[in-house]
Amino acid sequence: MDDDASKTPVQCVRVLLAEDQGMVREALAALLGLEGDIDVVAQVGRGDEVVAAVLANDVQVAVLDIEMPGMTGIEAAAELRGRAPGTKVVIATTFGRPGYLRRAMESGADAFLVKDAPAAELAEAIRRVLRGERVIDPVLAAAALAEGANPLTPRERDVLGAAADGAVNADIARRLHLSEGTVRNYLSMAIQKTGARNRTEAVRIAREKGWL
């Protein structure tokens, strides 16, 4: 009997890549394609396309960037938990911020890596999460513990995020279905908790720490 014919075929892991920068996404797909047991079956450039692509392609592991149009990778991870709970989620981001790590883990992500890690490390993380392990960049894990929890409540994050584009209180109130007084109170608390002098500085600090 031919030895090759008797070998068991390799069962490839079905992977989705979600990354808004086309060149980065394609390069990552090419690198993962060199792994004999990983098959990139879908690629998307928007966060709000993740769930549909996962469901349509029977994806086992979704590799998500954080900052994408339509929906962040963290939001997409949370949606996947409800729509495709069997799919493992790996967050791979340029922004290695402790606050992002905490939010990613809260959303149900199984791994959190920074993009400057070698491609082989991402490939191994994909294999490990499929085995039920959790994979976290050790430097980020230590930084997250030192940083502490996000001091902003979900509603304070909503209001501060809505203020990020320079919107006035009245516009924020209409967008979030709140009173202007409530918006002022949330912004005041966010400014106080971030140690900022104004809302613009509060947005900057919250983004730098990954709280927003």
C-alpha atoms as a PDB file:
ATOM      1  CA  MET A   1       0.000   0.000   0.000  1.00  0.00           C
ATOM      2  CA  ASP A   2       1.220   3.502  -0.823  1.00  0.00           C
ATOM      3  CA  ASP A   3       2.374   5.205   2.403  1.00  0.00           C
ATOM      4  CA  ASP A   4       0.941   8.552   1.254  1.00  0.00           C
ATOM      5  CA  ALA A   5      -2.472   7.006   0.654  1.00  0.00           C
ATOM      6  CA  SER A   6      -2.562   5.616   4.180  1.00  0.00           C
ATOM      7  CA  LYS A   7      -1.894   8.953   5.855  1.00  0.00           C
ATOM      8  CA  THR A   8      -4.786  10.650   7.649  1.00  0.00           C
ATOM      9  CA  PRO A   9      -5.615  14.019   6.014  1.00  0.00           C
ATOM     10  CA  VAL A  10      -4.809  17.077   8.146  1.00  0.00           C
ATOM     11  CA  GLN A  11      -7.982  18.661   9.541  1.00  0.00           C
ATOM     12  CA  CYS A  12      -7.460  22.379   8.993  1.00  0.00           C
ATOM     13  CA  VAL A  13      -8.727  24.991  11.435  1.00  0.00           C
ATOM     14  CA  ARG A  14     -11.266  27.228   9.665  1.00  0.00           C
ATOM     15  CA  VAL A  15     -10.272  30.840  10.374  1.00  0.00           C
ATOM     16  CA  LEU A  16     -11.811  34.256   9.682  1.00  0.00           C
ATOM     17  CA  LEU A  17      -9.671  37.407   9.541  1.00  0.00           C
ATOM     18  CA  ALA A  18     -11.291  40.757  10.337  1.00  0.00           C
ATOM     19  CA  GLU A  19      -8.977  43.693   9.645  1.00  0.00           C
ATOM     20  CA  ASP A  20      -9.831  46.993   7.975  1.00  0.00           C
ATOM     21  CA  GLN A  21      -6.413  47.496   6.359  1.00  0.00           C
ATOM     22  CA  GLY A  22      -6.473  45.374   3.222  1.00  0.00           C
ATOM     23  CA  MET A  23      -2.707  44.956   2.844  1.00  0.00           C
ATOM     24  CA  VAL A  24      -2.289  43.916   6.459  1.00  0.00           C
ATOM     25  CA  ARG A  25      -5.195  41.474   6.194  1.00  0.00           C
ATOM     26  CA  GLU A  26      -3.892  39.888   3.014  1.00  0.00           C
ATOM     27  CA  ALA A  27      -0.345  39.601   4.371  1.00  0.00           C
ATOM     28  CA  LEU A  28      -1.642  37.945   7.516  1.00  0.00           C
ATOM     29  CA  ALA A  29      -3.761  35.552   5.467  1.00  0.00           C
ATOM     30  CA  ALA A  30      -0.721  34.644   3.369  1.00  0.00           C
ATOM     31  CA  LEU A  31       1.410  33.973   6.447  1.00  0.00           C
ATOM     32  CA  LEU A  32      -1.241  31.838   8.108  1.00  0.00           C
ATOM     33  CA  GLY A  33      -1.748  30.033   4.813  1.00  0.00           C
ATOM     34  CA  LEU A  34       1.806  28.720   5.128  1.00  0.00           C
ATOM     35  CA  GLU A  35       0.707  26.739   8.177  1.00  0.00           C
ATOM     36  CA  GLY A  36      -0.356  23.263   7.109  1.00  0.00           C
ATOM     37  CA  ASP A  37      -3.240  23.047   9.554  1.00  0.00           C
ATOM     38  CA  ILE A  38      -4.824  26.520   9.198  1.00  0.00           C
ATOM     39  CA  ASP A  39      -7.238  27.538   6.436  1.00  0.00           C
ATOM     40  CA  VAL A  40      -8.303  31.194   6.159  1.00  0.00           C
ATOM     41  CA  VAL A  41     -11.829  30.676   4.807  1.00  0.00           C
ATOM     42  CA  ALA A  42     -13.118  34.253   5.120  1.00  0.00           C
ATOM     43  CA  GLN A  43     -11.825  37.821   5.276  1.00  0.00           C
ATOM     44  CA  VAL A  44     -13.761  40.989   6.159  1.00  0.00           C
ATOM     45  CA  GLY A  45     -12.817  44.625   6.533  1.00  0.00           C
ATOM     46  CA  ARG A  46     -15.634  45.748   8.842  1.00  0.00           C
ATOM     47  CA  GLY A  47     -16.626  44.734  12.320  1.00  0.00           C
ATOM     48  CA  ASP A  48     -20.317  44.571  11.452  1.00  0.00           C
ATOM     49  CA  GLU A  49     -19.568  41.925   8.805  1.00  0.00           C
ATOM     50  CA  VAL A  50     -17.963  39.482  11.242  1.00  0.00           C
ATOM     51  CA  VAL A  51     -20.979  37.546  12.503  1.00  0.00           C
ATOM     52  CA  ALA A  52     -22.510  36.949   9.066  1.00  0.00           C
ATOM     53  CA  ALA A  53     -19.165  35.774   7.677  1.00  0.00           C
ATOM     54  CA  VAL A  54     -18.600  33.439  10.637  1.00  0.00           C
ATOM     55  CA  LEU A  55     -22.035  31.869  10.242  1.00  0.00           C
ATOM     56  CA  ALA A  56     -21.752  31.576   6.458  1.00  0.00           C
ATOM     57  CA  ASN A  57     -18.332  29.902   6.514  1.00  0.00           C
ATOM     58  CA  ASP A  58     -18.556  27.607   9.547  1.00  0.00           C
ATOM     59  CA  VAL A  59     -15.630  29.470  11.143  1.00  0.00           C
ATOM     60  CA  GLN A  60     -13.931  27.861  14.139  1.00  0.00           C
ATOM     61  CA  VAL A  61     -11.628  30.747  15.106  1.00  0.00           C
ATOM     62  CA  ALA A  62     -12.224  34.451  14.382  1.00  0.00           C
ATOM     63  CA  VAL A  63      -9.149  36.697  14.459  1.00  0.00           C
ATOM     64  CA  LEU A  64     -10.352  40.256  15.035  1.00  0.00           C
ATOM     65  CA  ASP A  65      -8.725  43.670  14.956  1.00  0.00           C
ATOM     66  CA  ILE A  66     -10.122  46.140  17.500  1.00  0.00           C
ATOM     67  CA  GLU A  67     -10.572  49.396  15.601  1.00  0.00           C
ATOM     68  CA  MET A  68     -12.721  48.727  12.521  1.00  0.00           C
ATOM     69  CA  PRO A  69     -15.584  50.604  10.851  1.00  0.00           C
ATOM     70  CA  GLY A  70     -19.125  49.536  11.633  1.00  0.00           C
ATOM     71  CA  MET A  71     -18.288  47.804  14.902  1.00  0.00           C
ATOM     72  CA  THR A  72     -15.162  47.329  16.994  1.00  0.00           C
ATOM     73  CA  GLY A  73     -13.569  43.922  17.327  1.00  0.00           C
ATOM     74  CA  ILE A  74     -14.531  43.900  21.000  1.00  0.00           C
ATOM     75  CA  GLU A  75     -18.178  44.542  20.131  1.00  0.00           C
ATOM     76  CA  ALA A  76     -18.039  41.878  17.424  1.00  0.00           C
ATOM     77  CA  ALA A  77     -16.592  39.402  19.937  1.00  0.00           C
ATOM     78  CA  ALA A  78     -19.491  40.061  22.299  1.00  0.00           C
ATOM     79  CA  GLU A  79     -22.003  39.563  19.472  1.00  0.00           C
ATOM     80  CA  LEU A  80     -20.330  36.307  18.459  1.00  0.00           C
ATOM     81  CA  ARG A  81     -20.798  34.986  21.985  1.00  0.00           C
ATOM     82  CA  GLY A  82     -24.555  35.212  21.484  1.00  0.00           C
ATOM     83  CA  ARG A  83     -24.812  34.243  17.791  1.00  0.00           C
ATOM     84  CA  ALA A  84     -21.955  31.721  17.401  1.00  0.00           C
ATOM     85  CA  PRO A  85     -20.888  30.627  20.891  1.00  0.00           C
ATOM     86  CA  GLY A  86     -18.806  27.747  19.542  1.00  0.00           C
ATOM     87  CA  THR A  87     -16.491  30.091  17.637  1.00  0.00           C
ATOM     88  CA  LYS A  88     -13.267  30.996  19.422  1.00  0.00           C
ATOM     89  CA  VAL A  89     -12.130  34.629  19.291  1.00  0.00           C
ATOM     90  CA  VAL A  90      -8.571  35.929  19.045  1.00  0.00           C
ATOM     91  CA  ILE A  91      -8.062  39.700  19.331  1.00  0.00           C
ATOM     92  CA  ALA A  92      -4.934  40.769  17.427  1.00  0.00           C
ATOM     93  CA  THR A  93      -4.362  44.501  17.626  1.00  0.00           C
ATOM     94  CA  THR A  94      -1.788  47.226  17.162  1.00  0.00           C
ATOM     95  CA  PHE A  95      -3.121  48.875  20.304  1.00  0.00           C
ATOM     96  CA  GLY A  96      -1.644  46.954  23.222  1.00  0.00           C
ATOM     97  CA  ARG A  97      -3.518  48.838  25.919  1.00  0.00           C
ATOM     98  CA  PRO A  98      -4.394  47.265  29.269  1.00  0.00           C
ATOM     99  CA  GLY A  99      -7.924  48.661  29.131  1.00  0.00           C
ATOM    100  CA  TYR A 100      -8.515  46.988  25.782  1.00  0.00           C
ATOM    101  CA  LEU A 101      -7.345  43.686  27.226  1.00  0.00           C
ATOM    102  CA  ARG A 102      -9.819  43.886  30.091  1.00  0.00           C
ATOM    103  CA  ARG A 103     -12.700  44.812  27.784  1.00  0.00           C
ATOM    104  CA  ALA A 104     -11.780  42.054  25.336  1.00  0.00           C
ATOM    105  CA  MET A 105     -11.789  39.432  28.063  1.00  0.00           C
ATOM    106  CA  GLU A 106     -15.115  40.746  29.383  1.00  0.00           C
ATOM    107  CA  SER A 107     -16.571  40.436  25.868  1.00  0.00           C
ATOM    108  CA  GLY A 108     -15.637  36.755  25.769  1.00  0.00           C
ATOM    109  CA  ALA A 109     -12.402  36.809  23.743  1.00  0.00           C
ATOM    110  CA  ASP A 110     -10.226  33.719  24.146  1.00  0.00           C
ATOM    111  CA  ALA A 111      -6.914  35.356  23.262  1.00  0.00           C
ATOM    112  CA  PHE A 112      -5.386  38.829  23.086  1.00  0.00           C
ATOM    113  CA  LEU A 113      -2.185  39.441  21.120  1.00  0.00           C
ATOM    114  CA  VAL A 114      -0.404  42.467  19.699  1.00  0.00           C
ATOM    115  CA  LYS A 115       0.296  42.521  15.968  1.00  0.00           C
ATOM    116  CA  ASP A 116       4.047  42.882  16.306  1.00  0.00           C
ATOM    117  CA  ALA A 117       4.199  39.314  17.612  1.00  0.00           C
ATOM    118  CA  PRO A 118       5.557  36.752  15.121  1.00  0.00           C
ATOM    119  CA  ALA A 119       3.005  35.103  12.814  1.00  0.00           C
ATOM    120  CA  ALA A 120       3.986  31.737  14.303  1.00  0.00           C
ATOM    121  CA  GLU A 121       2.790  33.008  17.688  1.00  0.00           C
ATOM    122  CA  LEU A 122      -0.623  33.885  16.245  1.00  0.00           C
ATOM    123  CA  ALA A 123      -0.842  30.470  14.579  1.00  0.00           C
ATOM    124  CA  GLU A 124      -0.057  28.761  17.871  1.00  0.00           C
ATOM    125  CA  ALA A 125      -2.629  30.929  19.674  1.00  0.00           C
ATOM    126  CA  ILE A 126      -5.248  29.780  17.142  1.00  0.00           C
ATOM    127  CA  ARG A 127      -4.411  26.149  17.899  1.00  0.00           C
ATOM    128  CA  ARG A 128      -4.415  26.712  21.648  1.00  0.00           C
ATOM    129  CA  VAL A 129      -7.800  28.459  21.829  1.00  0.00           C
ATOM    130  CA  LEU A 130      -9.278  25.636  19.775  1.00  0.00           C
ATOM    131  CA  ARG A 131      -8.048  23.271  22.506  1.00  0.00           C
ATOM    132  CA  GLY A 132      -9.901  25.357  25.072  1.00  0.00           C
ATOM    133  CA  GLU A 133      -6.944  27.380  26.374  1.00  0.00           C
ATOM    134  CA  ARG A 134      -6.830  31.129  26.958  1.00  0.00           C
ATOM    135  CA  VAL A 135      -3.877  33.015  25.490  1.00  0.00           C
ATOM    136  CA  ILE A 136      -2.897  36.484  26.709  1.00  0.00           C
ATOM    137  CA  ASP A 137       0.217  38.518  25.971  1.00  0.00           C
ATOM    138  CA  PRO A 138       2.119  38.272  29.312  1.00  0.00           C
ATOM    139  CA  VAL A 139       3.370  41.870  29.227  1.00  0.00           C
ATOM    140  CA  LEU A 140      -0.170  43.168  28.686  1.00  0.00           C
ATOM    141  CA  ALA A 141      -1.533  40.901  31.394  1.00  0.00           C
ATOM    142  CA  ALA A 142       0.915  42.346  33.913  1.00  0.00           C
ATOM    143  CA  ALA A 143       0.136  45.896  32.787  1.00  0.00           C
ATOM    144  CA  ALA A 144      -3.616  45.281  33.102  1.00  0.00           C
ATOM    145  CA  LEU A 145      -3.202  44.063  36.659  1.00  0.00           C
ATOM    146  CA  ALA A 146      -1.103  47.123  37.528  1.00  0.00           C
ATOM    147  CA  GLU A 147      -3.528  49.504  35.807  1.00  0.00           C
ATOM    148  CA  GLY A 148      -6.608  48.291  37.635  1.00  0.00           C
ATOM    149  CA  ALA A 149     -10.193  48.145  36.424  1.00  0.00           C
ATOM    150  CA  ASN A 150     -11.804  50.641  34.066  1.00  0.00           C
ATOM    151  CA  PRO A 151     -13.241  53.355  36.355  1.00  0.00           C
ATOM    152  CA  LEU A 152     -15.856  54.453  33.810  1.00  0.00           C
ATOM    153  CA  THR A 153     -19.337  52.976  33.925  1.00  0.00           C
ATOM    154  CA  PRO A 154     -20.875  51.752  30.635  1.00  0.00           C
ATOM    155  CA  ARG A 155     -23.094  54.844  30.451  1.00  0.00           C
ATOM    156  CA  GLU A 156     -20.154  57.180  31.132  1.00  0.00           C
ATOM    157  CA  ARG A 157     -18.286  55.465  28.286  1.00  0.00           C
ATOM    158  CA  ASP A 158     -21.299  55.920  26.004  1.00  0.00           C
ATOM    159  CA  VAL A 159     -21.554  59.632  26.738  1.00  0.00           C
ATOM    160  CA  LEU A 160     -17.807  60.266  26.554  1.00  0.00           C
ATOM    161  CA  GLY A 161     -17.626  58.339  23.294  1.00  0.00           C
ATOM    162  CA  ALA A 162     -20.471  60.394  21.867  1.00  0.00           C
ATOM    163  CA  ALA A 163     -18.605  63.560  22.865  1.00  0.00           C
ATOM    164  CA  ALA A 164     -15.436  62.434  21.085  1.00  0.00           C
ATOM    165  CA  ASP A 165     -16.399  64.043  17.762  1.00  0.00           C
ATOM    166  CA  GLY A 166     -17.070  67.414  19.392  1.00  0.00           C
ATOM    167  CA  ALA A 167     -20.839  66.997  19.702  1.00  0.00           C
ATOM    168  CA  VAL A 168     -22.576  69.420  22.070  1.00  0.00           C
ATOM    169  CA  ASN A 169     -24.618  68.198  25.048  1.00  0.00           C
ATOM    170  CA  ALA A 170     -27.931  68.649  23.251  1.00  0.00           C
ATOM    171  CA  ASP A 171     -26.812  66.432  20.367  1.00  0.00           C
ATOM    172  CA  ILE A 172     -25.469  63.782  22.735  1.00  0.00           C
ATOM    173  CA  ALA A 173     -28.710  63.860  24.705  1.00  0.00           C
ATOM    174  CA  ARG A 174     -30.791  63.280  21.556  1.00  0.00           C
ATOM    175  CA  ARG A 175     -28.494  60.525  20.312  1.00  0.00           C
ATOM    176  CA  LEU A 176     -28.510  58.613  23.603  1.00  0.00           C
ATOM    177  CA  HIS A 177     -32.090  59.473  24.630  1.00  0.00           C
ATOM    178  CA  LEU A 178     -30.985  61.272  27.788  1.00  0.00           C
ATOM    179  CA  SER A 179     -31.646  64.701  29.257  1.00  0.00           C
ATOM    180  CA  GLU A 180     -29.002  67.392  28.836  1.00  0.00           C
ATOM    181  CA  GLY A 181     -28.580  67.508  32.615  1.00  0.00           C
ATOM    182  CA  THR A 182     -27.875  63.790  32.734  1.00  0.00           C
ATOM    183  CA  VAL A 183     -25.316  64.156  29.928  1.00  0.00           C
ATOM    184  CA  ARG A 184     -23.581  66.945  31.866  1.00  0.00           C
ATOM    185  CA  ASN A 185     -23.464  64.756  34.973  1.00  0.00           C
ATOM    186  CA  TYR A 186     -21.993  61.772  33.111  1.00  0.00           C
ATOM    187  CA  LEU A 187     -19.392  63.961  31.423  1.00  0.00           C
ATOM    188  CA  SER A 188     -18.485  65.571  34.736  1.00  0.00           C
ATOM    189  CA  MET A 189     -17.961  62.155  36.330  1.00  0.00           C
ATOM    190  CA  ALA A 190     -15.892  60.956  33.369  1.00  0.00           C
ATOM    191  CA  ILE A 191     -13.694  64.039  33.532  1.00  0.00           C
ATOM    192  CA  GLN A 192     -13.226  63.560  37.268  1.00  0.00           C
ATOM    193  CA  LYS A 193     -12.419  59.837  37.007  1.00  0.00           C
ATOM    194  CA  THR A 194      -9.870  60.319  34.233  1.00  0.00           C
ATOM    195  CA  GLY A 195      -8.212  63.224  36.046  1.00  0.00           C
ATOM    196  CA  ALA A 196      -8.759  65.432  33.001  1.00  0.00           C
ATOM    197  CA  ARG A 197      -9.351  69.169  32.793  1.00  0.00           C
ATOM    198  CA  ASN A 198     -12.079  68.967  30.169  1.00  0.00           C
ATOM    199  CA  ARG A 199     -14.026  66.520  28.017  1.00  0.00           C
ATOM    200  CA  THR A 200     -11.499  66.606  25.171  1.00  0.00           C
ATOM    201  CA  GLU A 201      -8.690  65.617  27.494  1.00  0.00           C
ATOM    202  CA  ALA A 202     -10.927  62.990  29.121  1.00  0.00           C
ATOM    203  CA  VAL A 203     -11.550  61.396  25.705  1.00  0.00           C
ATOM    204  CA  ARG A 204      -7.813  61.359  24.960  1.00  0.00           C
ATOM    205  CA  ILE A 205      -6.895  59.801  28.312  1.00  0.00           C
ATOM    206  CA  ALA A 206      -9.667  57.224  28.133  1.00  0.00           C
ATOM    207  CA  ARG A 207      -8.594  56.200  24.615  1.00  0.00           C
ATOM    208  CA  GLU A 208      -4.931  55.964  25.543  1.00  0.00           C
ATOM    209  CA  LYS A 209      -5.772  53.641  28.427  1.00  0.00           C
ATOM    210  CA  GLY A 210      -8.188  51.582  26.375  1.00  0.00           C
ATOM    211  CA  TRP A 211     -11.161  52.537  28.546  1.00  0.00           C
ATOM    212  CA  LEU A 212     -13.149  53.944  25.624  1.00  0.00           C
END
